[in-house]
Structure formats: C-alpha cells, structure tokens
Amino acid sequence: MRNIAVPLRNRNGEVVAALSTNMPMGEESPEAALQRVLPHLQECALAMLNVL
C-alpha cells in the first residue's frame, strides 16, 4: 500500500488534522502517484480551510 497525506490547517494556520488516501502500489511509480493525487488532496485541504 501507498499513502499520501497533507495537513489540514485552521483559519490561524495551525495544523489540526491530516487528510490522506491509501492506494495499492501497482505499476505506478511513487512520483507518478504523487503527481496524480497530491493536487487533489491539496485542493480539498484548501477548501476545508474555511470549515475548520
């Protein structure tokens, strides 16, 4: 298994949690998986900034 995570910050910039996903390793390289998934996690974390 492979895991990618990003911090979730509150309005003050403090880390209060993490957002992560797991995926099978398969044929994809770690770099390719990071390029494919990380932007989506970062976008979600940014969208949650106003909620936390």
Protein backbone atom coordinates (compact mmCIF):
# COMPACT_ATOMS: atom_id res chain seq x y z
CA MET A 1 0.00 0.00 0.00
CA ARG A 2 0.99 3.60 -0.59
CA ASN A 3 -0.22 6.59 1.44
CA ILE A 4 -0.21 10.30 0.61
CA ALA A 5 -1.22 12.94 3.17
CA VAL A 6 -1.50 16.71 3.55
CA PRO A 7 -2.00 18.79 6.70
CA LEU A 8 -5.37 20.37 7.47
CA ARG A 9 -4.98 23.83 8.93
CA ASN A 10 -7.45 26.04 10.75
CA ARG A 11 -8.01 29.73 9.97
CA ASN A 12 -4.95 30.60 12.07
CA GLY A 13 -2.69 28.33 10.03
CA GLU A 14 -2.35 25.77 12.81
CA VAL A 15 -2.28 22.11 11.80
CA VAL A 16 -5.34 20.45 13.36
CA ALA A 17 -5.59 17.20 11.38
CA ALA A 18 -4.47 15.46 8.22
CA LEU A 19 -6.18 14.39 5.03
CA SER A 20 -4.81 11.22 3.48
CA THR A 21 -5.53 8.49 0.99
CA ASN A 22 -4.27 4.95 0.53
CA MET A 23 -3.77 3.15 -2.75
CA PRO A 24 -2.26 -0.10 -3.96
CA MET A 25 1.29 0.19 -5.26
CA GLY A 26 0.56 -1.45 -8.61
CA GLU A 27 2.63 -0.44 -11.64
CA GLU A 28 2.61 3.31 -10.96
CA SER A 29 5.84 4.87 -9.67
CA PRO A 30 5.77 6.78 -6.38
CA GLU A 31 6.49 10.02 -8.27
CA ALA A 32 3.62 9.44 -10.71
CA ALA A 33 1.21 8.64 -7.87
CA LEU A 34 2.27 11.80 -6.04
CA GLN A 35 1.77 13.96 -9.15
CA ARG A 36 -1.64 12.43 -9.80
CA VAL A 37 -3.08 12.52 -6.26
CA LEU A 38 -1.35 15.33 -4.34
CA PRO A 39 -3.01 18.25 -6.19
CA HIS A 40 -6.46 16.83 -5.36
CA LEU A 41 -5.61 16.42 -1.68
CA GLN A 42 -4.19 19.94 -1.53
CA GLU A 43 -7.31 21.34 -3.20
CA CYS A 44 -9.55 19.58 -0.68
CA ALA A 45 -7.41 20.77 2.25
CA LEU A 46 -7.62 24.33 0.98
CA ALA A 47 -11.40 24.09 0.58
CA MET A 48 -11.68 22.86 4.17
CA LEU A 49 -9.68 25.83 5.48
CA ASN A 50 -12.88 27.85 5.94
CA VAL A 51 -14.60 24.99 7.74
CA LEU A 52 -12.02 24.29 10.45
